[in-house]
Amino acid sequence: MKEILAVFIGGGIGSVLRFLFTKFFLNYNFQIPFGTLLANTIACLIFGLFSGFIYTKLQVEPIVKLLILTGLCGGLSTFSTFNYELFLMLKNGQVFMSILYFMISFIVCLGSFALFVNNQ
C-alpha cells in the first residue's frame, strides 16, 4: 500500500507541474509547445540524475525511487501529449516546425538524461 501511495503522490505532483508549465507557456505565442518540452526535459533530467547518480551513489530507499522515478517523472513527462501536439502540427501543415519540435525534444531529453547516467 505504501508503494501505491508513493507513486500516487509523486504522480500527482508531476502532473500538476506539467499542467502549470503548459498553462504558463500558453500565454506566449510560440510555434513549438514549450510547456511539454520543458516538462519532458525536466523529467529526463530528474530521471537521469536520480538513476545515474543519486540512486547508484547514495543509500536511497526503494520507495523513494518509486516516488521520484515512477511517480514524479511519470506524471511530469508526457509522451501522449507530445505525440498529440506533433500530430496537430502535421495536420495543420507545419511540417518543418513538427520536425524541429521532434528533433529538439529528442536531442534535449536524451541529452538531459545522458548528462547524469554517463557518470556512473
PDB file of N, CA and C in Angstrom:
ATOM      1  N   MET A   1       0.817  -1.201   0.000  1.00  0.00           N
ATOM      2  CA  MET A   1       0.000   0.000   0.000  1.00  0.00           C
ATOM      3  C   MET A   1       0.867   1.273   0.000  1.00  0.00           C
ATOM      4  N   LYS A   2       2.022   1.224   0.723  1.00  0.00           N
ATOM      5  CA  LYS A   2       2.914   2.381   0.750  1.00  0.00           C
ATOM      6  C   LYS A   2       3.458   2.682  -0.647  1.00  0.00           C
ATOM      7  N   GLU A   3       3.710   1.631  -1.427  1.00  0.00           N
ATOM      8  CA  GLU A   3       4.238   1.827  -2.780  1.00  0.00           C
ATOM      9  C   GLU A   3       3.229   2.551  -3.661  1.00  0.00           C
ATOM     10  N   ILE A   4       1.982   2.147  -3.572  1.00  0.00           N
ATOM     11  CA  ILE A   4       0.921   2.787  -4.362  1.00  0.00           C
ATOM     12  C   ILE A   4       0.775   4.246  -3.959  1.00  0.00           C
ATOM     13  N   LEU A   5       0.827   4.501  -2.679  1.00  0.00           N
ATOM     14  CA  LEU A   5       0.719   5.873  -2.183  1.00  0.00           C
ATOM     15  C   LEU A   5       1.898   6.733  -2.660  1.00  0.00           C
ATOM     16  N   ALA A   6       3.089   6.165  -2.677  1.00  0.00           N
ATOM     17  CA  ALA A   6       4.274   6.899  -3.141  1.00  0.00           C
ATOM     18  C   ALA A   6       4.146   7.264  -4.623  1.00  0.00           C
ATOM     19  N   VAL A   7       3.707   6.320  -5.430  1.00  0.00           N
ATOM     20  CA  VAL A   7       3.506   6.585  -6.859  1.00  0.00           C
ATOM     21  C   VAL A   7       2.388   7.610  -7.054  1.00  0.00           C
ATOM     22  N   PHE A   8       1.336   7.483  -6.286  1.00  0.00           N
ATOM     23  CA  PHE A   8       0.202   8.407  -6.358  1.00  0.00           C
ATOM     24  C   PHE A   8       0.627   9.836  -6.029  1.00  0.00           C
ATOM     25  N   ILE A   9       1.367  10.005  -4.961  1.00  0.00           N
ATOM     26  CA  ILE A   9       1.806  11.348  -4.556  1.00  0.00           C
ATOM     27  C   ILE A   9       2.776  11.930  -5.580  1.00  0.00           C
ATOM     28  N   GLY A  10       3.771  11.149  -5.972  1.00  0.00           N
ATOM     29  CA  GLY A  10       4.732  11.615  -6.966  1.00  0.00           C
ATOM     30  C   GLY A  10       4.071  11.937  -8.293  1.00  0.00           C
ATOM     31  N   GLY A  11       3.162  11.066  -8.727  1.00  0.00           N
ATOM     32  CA  GLY A  11       2.445  11.296  -9.980  1.00  0.00           C
ATOM     33  C   GLY A  11       1.574  12.535  -9.930  1.00  0.00           C
ATOM     34  N   GLY A  12       0.951  12.762  -8.798  1.00  0.00           N
ATOM     35  CA  GLY A  12       0.129  13.971  -8.643  1.00  0.00           C
ATOM     36  C   GLY A  12       0.956  15.235  -8.729  1.00  0.00           C
ATOM     37  N   ILE A  13       2.093  15.235  -8.063  1.00  0.00           N
ATOM     38  CA  ILE A  13       2.986  16.397  -8.117  1.00  0.00           C
ATOM     39  C   ILE A  13       3.474  16.623  -9.543  1.00  0.00           C
ATOM     40  N   GLY A  14       3.912  15.554 -10.202  1.00  0.00           N
ATOM     41  CA  GLY A  14       4.394  15.666 -11.578  1.00  0.00           C
ATOM     42  C   GLY A  14       3.326  16.152 -12.539  1.00  0.00           C
ATOM     43  N   SER A  15       2.127  15.641 -12.399  1.00  0.00           N
ATOM     44  CA  SER A  15       1.030  16.050 -13.284  1.00  0.00           C
ATOM     45  C   SER A  15       0.654  17.512 -13.087  1.00  0.00           C
ATOM     46  N   VAL A  16       0.639  17.955 -11.843  1.00  0.00           N
ATOM     47  CA  VAL A  16       0.330  19.364 -11.569  1.00  0.00           C
ATOM     48  C   VAL A  16       1.422  20.263 -12.143  1.00  0.00           C
ATOM     49  N   LEU A  17       2.681  19.874 -11.981  1.00  0.00           N
ATOM     50  CA  LEU A  17       3.777  20.661 -12.554  1.00  0.00           C
ATOM     51  C   LEU A  17       3.652  20.748 -14.078  1.00  0.00           C
ATOM     52  N   ARG A  18       3.349  19.613 -14.709  1.00  0.00           N
ATOM     53  CA  ARG A  18       3.179  19.606 -16.172  1.00  0.00           C
ATOM     54  C   ARG A  18       2.046  20.543 -16.581  1.00  0.00           C
ATOM     55  N   PHE A  19       0.951  20.504 -15.873  1.00  0.00           N
ATOM     56  CA  PHE A  19      -0.180  21.381 -16.145  1.00  0.00           C
ATOM     57  C   PHE A  19       0.228  22.845 -16.025  1.00  0.00           C
ATOM     58  N   LEU A  20       0.975  23.171 -14.960  1.00  0.00           N
ATOM     59  CA  LEU A  20       1.400  24.557 -14.754  1.00  0.00           C
ATOM     60  C   LEU A  20       2.365  25.028 -15.842  1.00  0.00           C
ATOM     61  N   PHE A  21       3.291  24.172 -16.265  1.00  0.00           N
ATOM     62  CA  PHE A  21       4.210  24.532 -17.350  1.00  0.00           C
ATOM     63  C   PHE A  21       3.428  24.823 -18.624  1.00  0.00           C
ATOM     64  N   THR A  22       2.502  23.933 -18.948  1.00  0.00           N
ATOM     65  CA  THR A  22       1.708  24.100 -20.166  1.00  0.00           C
ATOM     66  C   THR A  22       0.886  25.372 -20.089  1.00  0.00           C
ATOM     67  N   LYS A  23       0.242  25.590 -18.958  1.00  0.00           N
ATOM     68  CA  LYS A  23      -0.587  26.786 -18.779  1.00  0.00           C
ATOM     69  C   LYS A  23       0.254  28.060 -18.886  1.00  0.00           C
ATOM     70  N   PHE A  24       1.434  28.063 -18.298  1.00  0.00           N
ATOM     71  CA  PHE A  24       2.308  29.230 -18.345  1.00  0.00           C
ATOM     72  C   PHE A  24       2.686  29.576 -19.785  1.00  0.00           C
ATOM     73  N   PHE A  25       3.067  28.575 -20.565  1.00  0.00           N
ATOM     74  CA  PHE A  25       3.522  28.838 -21.930  1.00  0.00           C
ATOM     75  C   PHE A  25       2.384  29.104 -22.906  1.00  0.00           C
ATOM     76  N   LEU A  26       1.146  28.843 -22.508  1.00  0.00           N
ATOM     77  CA  LEU A  26       0.006  29.190 -23.367  1.00  0.00           C
ATOM     78  C   LEU A  26      -0.147  30.694 -23.497  1.00  0.00           C
ATOM     79  N   ASN A  27       0.420  31.441 -22.552  1.00  0.00           N
ATOM     80  CA  ASN A  27       0.363  32.900 -22.600  1.00  0.00           C
ATOM     81  C   ASN A  27       1.243  33.475 -23.708  1.00  0.00           C
ATOM     82  N   TYR A  28       2.121  32.654 -24.241  1.00  0.00           N
ATOM     83  CA  TYR A  28       3.035  33.098 -25.294  1.00  0.00           C
ATOM     84  C   TYR A  28       2.656  32.419 -26.602  1.00  0.00           C
ATOM     85  N   ASN A  29       2.977  33.043 -27.683  1.00  0.00           N
ATOM     86  CA  ASN A  29       2.585  32.517 -28.987  1.00  0.00           C
ATOM     87  C   ASN A  29       3.770  31.833 -29.672  1.00  0.00           C
ATOM     88  N   PHE A  30       4.284  30.774 -29.030  1.00  0.00           N
ATOM     89  CA  PHE A  30       5.376  30.014 -29.616  1.00  0.00           C
ATOM     90  C   PHE A  30       4.815  29.002 -30.603  1.00  0.00           C
ATOM     91  N   GLN A  31       5.593  28.690 -31.616  1.00  0.00           N
ATOM     92  CA  GLN A  31       5.152  27.684 -32.584  1.00  0.00           C
ATOM     93  C   GLN A  31       5.455  26.272 -32.108  1.00  0.00           C
ATOM     94  N   ILE A  32       6.311  26.158 -31.109  1.00  0.00           N
ATOM     95  CA  ILE A  32       6.639  24.855 -30.525  1.00  0.00           C
ATOM     96  C   ILE A  32       6.042  24.825 -29.121  1.00  0.00           C
ATOM     97  N   PRO A  33       5.404  23.732 -28.732  1.00  0.00           N
ATOM     98  CA  PRO A  33       4.808  23.627 -27.391  1.00  0.00           C
ATOM     99  C   PRO A  33       5.875  23.524 -26.293  1.00  0.00           C
ATOM    100  N   PHE A  34       6.327  24.656 -25.805  1.00  0.00           N
ATOM    101  CA  PHE A  34       7.410  24.686 -24.827  1.00  0.00           C
ATOM    102  C   PHE A  34       7.016  24.105 -23.474  1.00  0.00           C
ATOM    103  N   GLY A  35       5.756  24.155 -23.109  1.00  0.00           N
ATOM    104  CA  GLY A  35       5.331  23.570 -21.828  1.00  0.00           C
ATOM    105  C   GLY A  35       5.609  22.089 -21.779  1.00  0.00           C
ATOM    106  N   THR A  36       5.255  21.390 -22.841  1.00  0.00           N
ATOM    107  CA  THR A  36       5.509  19.948 -22.913  1.00  0.00           C
ATOM    108  C   THR A  36       6.999  19.675 -23.011  1.00  0.00           C
ATOM    109  N   LEU A  37       7.694  20.471 -23.820  1.00  0.00           N
ATOM    110  CA  LEU A  37       9.141  20.303 -23.959  1.00  0.00           C
ATOM    111  C   LEU A  37       9.846  20.488 -22.613  1.00  0.00           C
ATOM    112  N   LEU A  38       9.461  21.510 -21.868  1.00  0.00           N
ATOM    113  CA  LEU A  38      10.058  21.756 -20.564  1.00  0.00           C
ATOM    114  C   LEU A  38       9.744  20.626 -19.582  1.00  0.00           C
ATOM    115  N   ALA A  39       8.503  20.195 -19.552  1.00  0.00           N
ATOM    116  CA  ALA A  39       8.111  19.113 -18.647  1.00  0.00           C
ATOM    117  C   ALA A  39       8.891  17.838 -18.955  1.00  0.00           C
ATOM    118  N   ASN A  40       8.974  17.477 -20.221  1.00  0.00           N
ATOM    119  CA  ASN A  40       9.702  16.265 -20.600  1.00  0.00           C
ATOM    120  C   ASN A  40      11.194  16.394 -20.306  1.00  0.00           C
ATOM    121  N   THR A  41      11.761  17.576 -20.555  1.00  0.00           N
ATOM    122  CA  THR A  41      13.179  17.789 -20.295  1.00  0.00           C
ATOM    123  C   THR A  41      13.492  17.691 -18.809  1.00  0.00           C
ATOM    124  N   ILE A  42      12.688  18.333 -17.985  1.00  0.00           N
ATOM    125  CA  ILE A  42      12.912  18.271 -16.534  1.00  0.00           C
ATOM    126  C   ILE A  42      12.746  16.845 -16.023  1.00  0.00           C
ATOM    127  N   ALA A  43      11.746  16.134 -16.534  1.00  0.00           N
ATOM    128  CA  ALA A  43      11.551  14.739 -16.127  1.00  0.00           C
ATOM    129  C   ALA A  43      12.775  13.900 -16.498  1.00  0.00           C
ATOM    130  N   CYS A  44      13.335  14.124 -17.685  1.00  0.00           N
ATOM    131  CA  CYS A  44      14.530  13.378 -18.095  1.00  0.00           C
ATOM    132  C   CYS A  44      15.741  13.753 -17.249  1.00  0.00           C
ATOM    133  N   LEU A  45      15.870  15.037 -16.924  1.00  0.00           N
ATOM    134  CA  LEU A  45      16.960  15.464 -16.040  1.00  0.00           C
ATOM    135  C   LEU A  45      16.859  14.804 -14.672  1.00  0.00           C
ATOM    136  N   ILE A  46      15.666  14.831 -14.097  1.00  0.00           N
ATOM    137  CA  ILE A  46      15.461  14.224 -12.780  1.00  0.00           C
ATOM    138  C   ILE A  46      15.711  12.718 -12.849  1.00  0.00           C
ATOM    139  N   PHE A  47      15.178  12.080 -13.879  1.00  0.00           N
ATOM    140  CA  PHE A  47      15.338  10.627 -14.033  1.00  0.00           C
ATOM    141  C   PHE A  47      16.813  10.276 -14.188  1.00  0.00           C
ATOM    142  N   GLY A  48      17.518  11.019 -15.027  1.00  0.00           N
ATOM    143  CA  GLY A  48      18.945  10.764 -15.225  1.00  0.00           C
ATOM    144  C   GLY A  48      19.746  11.020 -13.966  1.00  0.00           C
ATOM    145  N   LEU A  49      19.468  12.136 -13.303  1.00  0.00           N
ATOM    146  CA  LEU A  49      20.169  12.476 -12.066  1.00  0.00           C
ATOM    147  C   LEU A  49      19.922  11.414 -11.010  1.00  0.00           C
ATOM    148  N   PHE A  50      18.677  11.016 -10.871  1.00  0.00           N
ATOM    149  CA  PHE A  50      18.335  10.061  -9.826  1.00  0.00           C
ATOM    150  C   PHE A  50      18.873   8.673 -10.128  1.00  0.00           C
ATOM    151  N   SER A  51      18.643   8.186 -11.326  1.00  0.00           N
ATOM    152  CA  SER A  51      19.070   6.817 -11.641  1.00  0.00           C
ATOM    153  C   SER A  51      20.562   6.728 -11.917  1.00  0.00           C
ATOM    154  N   GLY A  52      21.156   7.820 -12.413  1.00  0.00           N
ATOM    155  CA  GLY A  52      22.565   7.769 -12.755  1.00  0.00           C
ATOM    156  C   GLY A  52      23.490   8.198 -11.646  1.00  0.00           C
ATOM    157  N   PHE A  53      22.988   8.899 -10.659  1.00  0.00           N
ATOM    158  CA  PHE A  53      23.876   9.382  -9.604  1.00  0.00           C
ATOM    159  C   PHE A  53      23.331   9.072  -8.211  1.00  0.00           C
ATOM    160  N   ILE A  54      22.208   9.654  -7.888  1.00  0.00           N
ATOM    161  CA  ILE A  54      21.687   9.558  -6.522  1.00  0.00           C
ATOM    162  C   ILE A  54      21.415   8.112  -6.122  1.00  0.00           C
ATOM    163  N   TYR A  55      20.695   7.380  -6.966  1.00  0.00           N
ATOM    164  CA  TYR A  55      20.310   6.017  -6.603  1.00  0.00           C
ATOM    165  C   TYR A  55      21.508   5.075  -6.584  1.00  0.00           C
ATOM    166  N   THR A  56      22.495   5.322  -7.451  1.00  0.00           N
ATOM    167  CA  THR A  56      23.649   4.430  -7.503  1.00  0.00           C
ATOM    168  C   THR A  56      24.725   4.802  -6.484  1.00  0.00           C
ATOM    169  N   LYS A  57      24.811   6.057  -6.083  1.00  0.00           N
ATOM    170  CA  LYS A  57      25.878   6.511  -5.177  1.00  0.00           C
ATOM    171  C   LYS A  57      25.425   6.632  -3.721  1.00  0.00           C
ATOM    172  N   LEU A  58      24.164   6.885  -3.500  1.00  0.00           N
ATOM    173  CA  LEU A  58      23.661   7.080  -2.145  1.00  0.00           C
ATOM    174  C   LEU A  58      22.731   5.935  -1.756  1.00  0.00           C
ATOM    175  N   GLN A  59      22.559   5.750  -0.489  1.00  0.00           N
ATOM    176  CA  GLN A  59      21.628   4.740   0.008  1.00  0.00           C
ATOM    177  C   GLN A  59      20.222   5.334   0.037  1.00  0.00           C
ATOM    178  N   VAL A  60      19.417   4.994  -0.947  1.00  0.00           N
ATOM    179  CA  VAL A  60      18.059   5.528  -1.048  1.00  0.00           C
ATOM    180  C   VAL A  60      17.085   4.357  -0.967  1.00  0.00           C
ATOM    181  N   GLU A  61      16.061   4.537  -0.193  1.00  0.00           N
ATOM    182  CA  GLU A  61      15.042   3.501  -0.046  1.00  0.00           C
ATOM    183  C   GLU A  61      14.337   3.255  -1.382  1.00  0.00           C
ATOM    184  N   PRO A  62      13.961   2.009  -1.684  1.00  0.00           N
ATOM    185  CA  PRO A  62      13.245   1.706  -2.928  1.00  0.00           C
ATOM    186  C   PRO A  62      11.944   2.500  -3.081  1.00  0.00           C
ATOM    187  N   ILE A  63      11.288   2.831  -1.970  1.00  0.00           N
ATOM    188  CA  ILE A  63      10.033   3.590  -2.049  1.00  0.00           C
ATOM    189  C   ILE A  63      10.283   5.002  -2.576  1.00  0.00           C
ATOM    190  N   VAL A  64      11.460   5.554  -2.285  1.00  0.00           N
ATOM    191  CA  VAL A  64      11.813   6.877  -2.801  1.00  0.00           C
ATOM    192  C   VAL A  64      12.002   6.803  -4.306  1.00  0.00           C
ATOM    193  N   LYS A  65      12.583   5.714  -4.771  1.00  0.00           N
ATOM    194  CA  LYS A  65      12.730   5.501  -6.213  1.00  0.00           C
ATOM    195  C   LYS A  65      11.354   5.464  -6.884  1.00  0.00           C
ATOM    196  N   LEU A  66      10.408   4.788  -6.284  1.00  0.00           N
ATOM    197  CA  LEU A  66       9.045   4.752  -6.833  1.00  0.00           C
ATOM    198  C   LEU A  66       8.410   6.143  -6.845  1.00  0.00           C
ATOM    199  N   LEU A  67       8.591   6.881  -5.762  1.00  0.00           N
ATOM    200  CA  LEU A  67       8.033   8.224  -5.660  1.00  0.00           C
ATOM    201  C   LEU A  67       8.601   9.134  -6.755  1.00  0.00           C
ATOM    202  N   ILE A  68       9.920   9.103  -6.925  1.00  0.00           N
ATOM    203  CA  ILE A  68      10.582  10.012  -7.858  1.00  0.00           C
ATOM    204  C   ILE A  68      10.480   9.533  -9.307  1.00  0.00           C
ATOM    205  N   LEU A  69      10.933   8.316  -9.588  1.00  0.00           N
ATOM    206  CA  LEU A  69      11.007   7.853 -10.975  1.00  0.00           C
ATOM    207  C   LEU A  69       9.638   7.496 -11.558  1.00  0.00           C
ATOM    208  N   THR A  70       8.933   6.624 -10.886  1.00  0.00           N
ATOM    209  CA  THR A  70       7.636   6.195 -11.416  1.00  0.00           C
ATOM    210  C   THR A  70       6.579   7.273 -11.239  1.00  0.00           C
ATOM    211  N   GLY A  71       6.528   7.858 -10.054  1.00  0.00           N
ATOM    212  CA  GLY A  71       5.507   8.857  -9.763  1.00  0.00           C
ATOM    213  C   GLY A  71       5.789  10.212 -10.372  1.00  0.00           C
ATOM    214  N   LEU A  72       6.777  10.920  -9.837  1.00  0.00           N
ATOM    215  CA  LEU A  72       7.057  12.287 -10.275  1.00  0.00           C
ATOM    216  C   LEU A  72       7.414  12.352 -11.760  1.00  0.00           C
ATOM    217  N   CYS A  73       8.394  11.575 -12.189  1.00  0.00           N
ATOM    218  CA  CYS A  73       8.808  11.632 -13.599  1.00  0.00           C
ATOM    219  C   CYS A  73       7.720  11.107 -14.526  1.00  0.00           C
ATOM    220  N   GLY A  74       7.000  10.088 -14.081  1.00  0.00           N
ATOM    221  CA  GLY A  74       5.897   9.567 -14.885  1.00  0.00           C
ATOM    222  C   GLY A  74       4.770  10.572 -15.043  1.00  0.00           C
ATOM    223  N   GLY A  75       4.469  11.300 -13.986  1.00  0.00           N
ATOM    224  CA  GLY A  75       3.425  12.319 -14.053  1.00  0.00           C
ATOM    225  C   GLY A  75       3.866  13.572 -14.787  1.00  0.00           C
ATOM    226  N   LEU A  76       5.143  13.891 -14.685  1.00  0.00           N
ATOM    227  CA  LEU A  76       5.667  15.096 -15.305  1.00  0.00           C
ATOM    228  C   LEU A  76       5.868  14.941 -16.813  1.00  0.00           C
ATOM    229  N   SER A  77       6.407  13.812 -17.217  1.00  0.00           N
ATOM    230  CA  SER A  77       6.644  13.607 -18.653  1.00  0.00           C
ATOM    231  C   SER A  77       5.358  13.135 -19.322  1.00  0.00           C
ATOM    232  N   THR A  78       5.275  13.392 -20.610  1.00  0.00           N
ATOM    233  CA  THR A  78       4.037  13.046 -21.303  1.00  0.00           C
ATOM    234  C   THR A  78       4.284  12.728 -22.770  1.00  0.00           C
ATOM    235  N   PHE A  79       4.385  11.471 -23.063  1.00  0.00           N
ATOM    236  CA  PHE A  79       4.591  11.044 -24.442  1.00  0.00           C
ATOM    237  C   PHE A  79       3.309  11.196 -25.263  1.00  0.00           C
ATOM    238  N   SER A  80       2.185  10.992 -24.640  1.00  0.00           N
ATOM    239  CA  SER A  80       0.919  11.097 -25.371  1.00  0.00           C
ATOM    240  C   SER A  80       0.644  12.534 -25.817  1.00  0.00           C
ATOM    241  N   THR A  81       0.885  13.508 -24.941  1.00  0.00           N
ATOM    242  CA  THR A  81       0.692  14.907 -25.322  1.00  0.00           C
ATOM    243  C   THR A  81       1.691  15.317 -26.382  1.00  0.00           C
ATOM    244  N   PHE A  82       2.928  14.870 -26.244  1.00  0.00           N
ATOM    245  CA  PHE A  82       3.961  15.142 -27.231  1.00  0.00           C
ATOM    246  C   PHE A  82       3.512  14.657 -28.617  1.00  0.00           C
ATOM    247  N   ASN A  83       2.997  13.433 -28.689  1.00  0.00           N
ATOM    248  CA  ASN A  83       2.531  12.897 -29.970  1.00  0.00           C
ATOM    249  C   ASN A  83       1.305  13.625 -30.489  1.00  0.00           C
ATOM    250  N   TYR A  84       0.404  13.990 -29.599  1.00  0.00           N
ATOM    251  CA  TYR A  84      -0.784  14.741 -29.999  1.00  0.00           C
ATOM    252  C   TYR A  84      -0.387  16.087 -30.600  1.00  0.00           C
ATOM    253  N   GLU A  85       0.543  16.774 -29.949  1.00  0.00           N
ATOM    254  CA  GLU A  85       0.999  18.068 -30.464  1.00  0.00           C
ATOM    255  C   GLU A  85       1.687  17.911 -31.821  1.00  0.00           C
ATOM    256  N   LEU A  86       2.507  16.874 -31.953  1.00  0.00           N
ATOM    257  CA  LEU A  86       3.136  16.607 -33.253  1.00  0.00           C
ATOM    258  C   LEU A  86       2.084  16.339 -34.327  1.00  0.00           C
ATOM    259  N   PHE A  87       1.094  15.542 -33.984  1.00  0.00           N
ATOM    260  CA  PHE A  87       0.017  15.226 -34.921  1.00  0.00           C
ATOM    261  C   PHE A  87      -0.709  16.491 -35.378  1.00  0.00           C
ATOM    262  N   LEU A  88      -1.059  17.353 -34.421  1.00  0.00           N
ATOM    263  CA  LEU A  88      -1.752  18.596 -34.774  1.00  0.00           C
ATOM    264  C   LEU A  88      -0.893  19.496 -35.660  1.00  0.00           C
ATOM    265  N   MET A  89       0.391  19.565 -35.358  1.00  0.00           N
ATOM    266  CA  MET A  89       1.288  20.383 -36.170  1.00  0.00           C
ATOM    267  C   MET A  89       1.343  19.856 -37.606  1.00  0.00           C
ATOM    268  N   LEU A  90       1.446  18.550 -37.754  1.00  0.00           N
ATOM    269  CA  LEU A  90       1.467  17.953 -39.093  1.00  0.00           C
ATOM    270  C   LEU A  90       0.127  18.153 -39.808  1.00  0.00           C
ATOM    271  N   LYS A  91      -0.946  17.957 -39.078  1.00  0.00           N
ATOM    272  CA  LYS A  91      -2.287  18.131 -39.648  1.00  0.00           C
ATOM    273  C   LYS A  91      -2.497  19.559 -40.136  1.00  0.00           C
ATOM    274  N   ASN A  92      -1.901  20.526 -39.435  1.00  0.00           N
ATOM    275  CA  ASN A  92      -2.029  21.936 -39.810  1.00  0.00           C
ATOM    276  C   ASN A  92      -0.976  22.386 -40.820  1.00  0.00           C
ATOM    277  N   GLY A  93      -0.240  21.428 -41.372  1.00  0.00           N
ATOM    278  CA  GLY A  93       0.726  21.748 -42.411  1.00  0.00           C
ATOM    279  C   GLY A  93       2.036  22.321 -41.904  1.00  0.00           C
ATOM    280  N   GLN A  94       2.288  22.239 -40.625  1.00  0.00           N
ATOM    281  CA  GLN A  94       3.528  22.760 -40.038  1.00  0.00           C
ATOM    282  C   GLN A  94       4.598  21.660 -40.023  1.00  0.00           C
ATOM    283  N   VAL A  95       4.951  21.199 -41.202  1.00  0.00           N
ATOM    284  CA  VAL A  95       5.867  20.062 -41.321  1.00  0.00           C
ATOM    285  C   VAL A  95       7.242  20.417 -40.749  1.00  0.00           C
ATOM    286  N   PHE A  96       7.785  21.562 -41.159  1.00  0.00           N
ATOM    287  CA  PHE A  96       9.110  21.942 -40.667  1.00  0.00           C
ATOM    288  C   PHE A  96       9.115  22.097 -39.152  1.00  0.00           C
ATOM    289  N   MET A  97       8.117  22.780 -38.601  1.00  0.00           N
ATOM    290  CA  MET A  97       8.070  23.000 -37.153  1.00  0.00           C
ATOM    291  C   MET A  97       7.873  21.686 -36.396  1.00  0.00           C
ATOM    292  N   SER A  98       7.111  20.761 -36.964  1.00  0.00           N
ATOM    293  CA  SER A  98       6.913  19.475 -36.289  1.00  0.00           C
ATOM    294  C   SER A  98       8.209  18.670 -36.277  1.00  0.00           C
ATOM    295  N   ILE A  99       8.956  18.712 -37.367  1.00  0.00           N
ATOM    296  CA  ILE A  99      10.247  18.021 -37.403  1.00  0.00           C
ATOM    297  C   ILE A  99      11.211  18.677 -36.420  1.00  0.00           C
ATOM    298  N   LEU A 100      11.212  19.998 -36.385  1.00  0.00           N
ATOM    299  CA  LEU A 100      12.065  20.732 -35.458  1.00  0.00           C
ATOM    300  C   LEU A 100      11.706  20.391 -34.008  1.00  0.00           C
ATOM    301  N   TYR A 101      10.414  20.376 -33.705  1.00  0.00           N
ATOM    302  CA  TYR A 101       9.946  20.037 -32.359  1.00  0.00           C
ATOM    303  C   TYR A 101      10.375  18.617 -31.980  1.00  0.00           C
ATOM    304  N   PHE A 102      10.206  17.699 -32.915  1.00  0.00           N
ATOM    305  CA  PHE A 102      10.607  16.309 -32.672  1.00  0.00           C
ATOM    306  C   PHE A 102      12.098  16.221 -32.378  1.00  0.00           C
ATOM    307  N   MET A 103      12.903  16.850 -33.222  1.00  0.00           N
ATOM    308  CA  MET A 103      14.354  16.777 -33.081  1.00  0.00           C
ATOM    309  C   MET A 103      14.823  17.457 -31.793  1.00  0.00           C
ATOM    310  N   ILE A 104      14.290  18.640 -31.505  1.00  0.00           N
ATOM    311  CA  ILE A 104      14.673  19.337 -30.273  1.00  0.00           C
ATOM    312  C   ILE A 104      14.298  18.494 -29.059  1.00  0.00           C
ATOM    313  N   SER A 105      13.086  17.965 -29.054  1.00  0.00           N
ATOM    314  CA  SER A 105      12.635  17.148 -27.925  1.00  0.00           C
ATOM    315  C   SER A 105      13.525  15.932 -27.741  1.00  0.00           C
ATOM    316  N   PHE A 106      13.797  15.242 -28.824  1.00  0.00           N
ATOM    317  CA  PHE A 106      14.598  14.026 -28.753  1.00  0.00           C
ATOM    318  C   PHE A 106      16.010  14.332 -28.257  1.00  0.00           C
ATOM    319  N   ILE A 107      16.652  15.317 -28.867  1.00  0.00           N
ATOM    320  CA  ILE A 107      18.036  15.641 -28.525  1.00  0.00           C
ATOM    321  C   ILE A 107      18.149  16.193 -27.104  1.00  0.00           C
ATOM    322  N   VAL A 108      17.272  17.128 -26.753  1.00  0.00           N
ATOM    323  CA  VAL A 108      17.345  17.751 -25.428  1.00  0.00           C
ATOM    324  C   VAL A 108      17.009  16.740 -24.330  1.00  0.00           C
ATOM    325  N   CYS A 109      15.974  15.950 -24.529  1.00  0.00           N
ATOM    326  CA  CYS A 109      15.585  14.986 -23.498  1.00  0.00           C
ATOM    327  C   CYS A 109      16.618  13.876 -23.352  1.00  0.00           C
ATOM    328  N   LEU A 110      17.105  13.345 -24.455  1.00  0.00           N
ATOM    329  CA  LEU A 110      18.128  12.306 -24.379  1.00  0.00           C
ATOM    330  C   LEU A 110      19.413  12.871 -23.776  1.00  0.00           C
ATOM    331  N   GLY A 111      19.776  14.073 -24.185  1.00  0.00           N
ATOM    332  CA  GLY A 111      20.958  14.719 -23.619  1.00  0.00           C
ATOM    333  C   GLY A 111      20.816  14.988 -22.136  1.00  0.00           C
ATOM    334  N   SER A 112      19.627  15.407 -21.713  1.00  0.00           N
ATOM    335  CA  SER A 112      19.371  15.675 -20.294  1.00  0.00           C
ATOM    336  C   SER A 112      19.524  14.407 -19.468  1.00  0.00           C
ATOM    337  N   PHE A 113      19.010  13.331 -19.986  1.00  0.00           N
ATOM    338  CA  PHE A 113      19.129  12.046 -19.296  1.00  0.00           C
ATOM    339  C   PHE A 113      20.591  11.590 -19.261  1.00  0.00           C
ATOM    340  N   ALA A 114      21.264  11.699 -20.402  1.00  0.00           N
ATOM    341  CA  ALA A 114      22.634  11.209 -20.528  1.00  0.00           C
ATOM    342  C   ALA A 114      23.637  12.011 -19.697  1.00  0.00           C
ATOM    343  N   LEU A 115      23.321  13.252 -19.369  1.00  0.00           N
ATOM    344  CA  LEU A 115      24.216  14.065 -18.545  1.00  0.00           C
ATOM    345  C   LEU A 115      24.652  13.352 -17.270  1.00  0.00           C
ATOM    346  N   PHE A 116      23.709  12.691 -16.648  1.00  0.00           N
ATOM    347  CA  PHE A 116      23.979  12.085 -15.347  1.00  0.00           C
ATOM    348  C   PHE A 116      24.196  10.584 -15.416  1.00  0.00           C
ATOM    349  N   VAL A 117      23.577   9.923 -16.371  1.00  0.00           N
ATOM    350  CA  VAL A 117      23.705   8.471 -16.450  1.00  0.00           C
ATOM    351  C   VAL A 117      25.115   8.089 -16.897  1.00  0.00           C
ATOM    352  N   ASN A 118      25.749   8.907 -17.719  1.00  0.00           N
ATOM    353  CA  ASN A 118      27.105   8.629 -18.155  1.00  0.00           C
ATOM    354  C   ASN A 118      28.118   8.677 -17.021  1.00  0.00           C
ATOM    355  N   ASN A 119      27.767   9.298 -15.919  1.00  0.00           N
ATOM    356  CA  ASN A 119      28.698   9.462 -14.815  1.00  0.00           C
ATOM    357  C   ASN A 119      28.696   8.270 -13.860  1.00  0.00           C
ATOM    358  N   GLN A 120      28.076   7.178 -14.238  1.00  0.00           N
ATOM    359  CA  GLN A 120      28.025   6.014 -13.347  1.00  0.00           C
ATOM    360  C   GLN A 120      29.381   5.363 -13.232  1.00  0.00           C
TER     361      GLN A 120
END
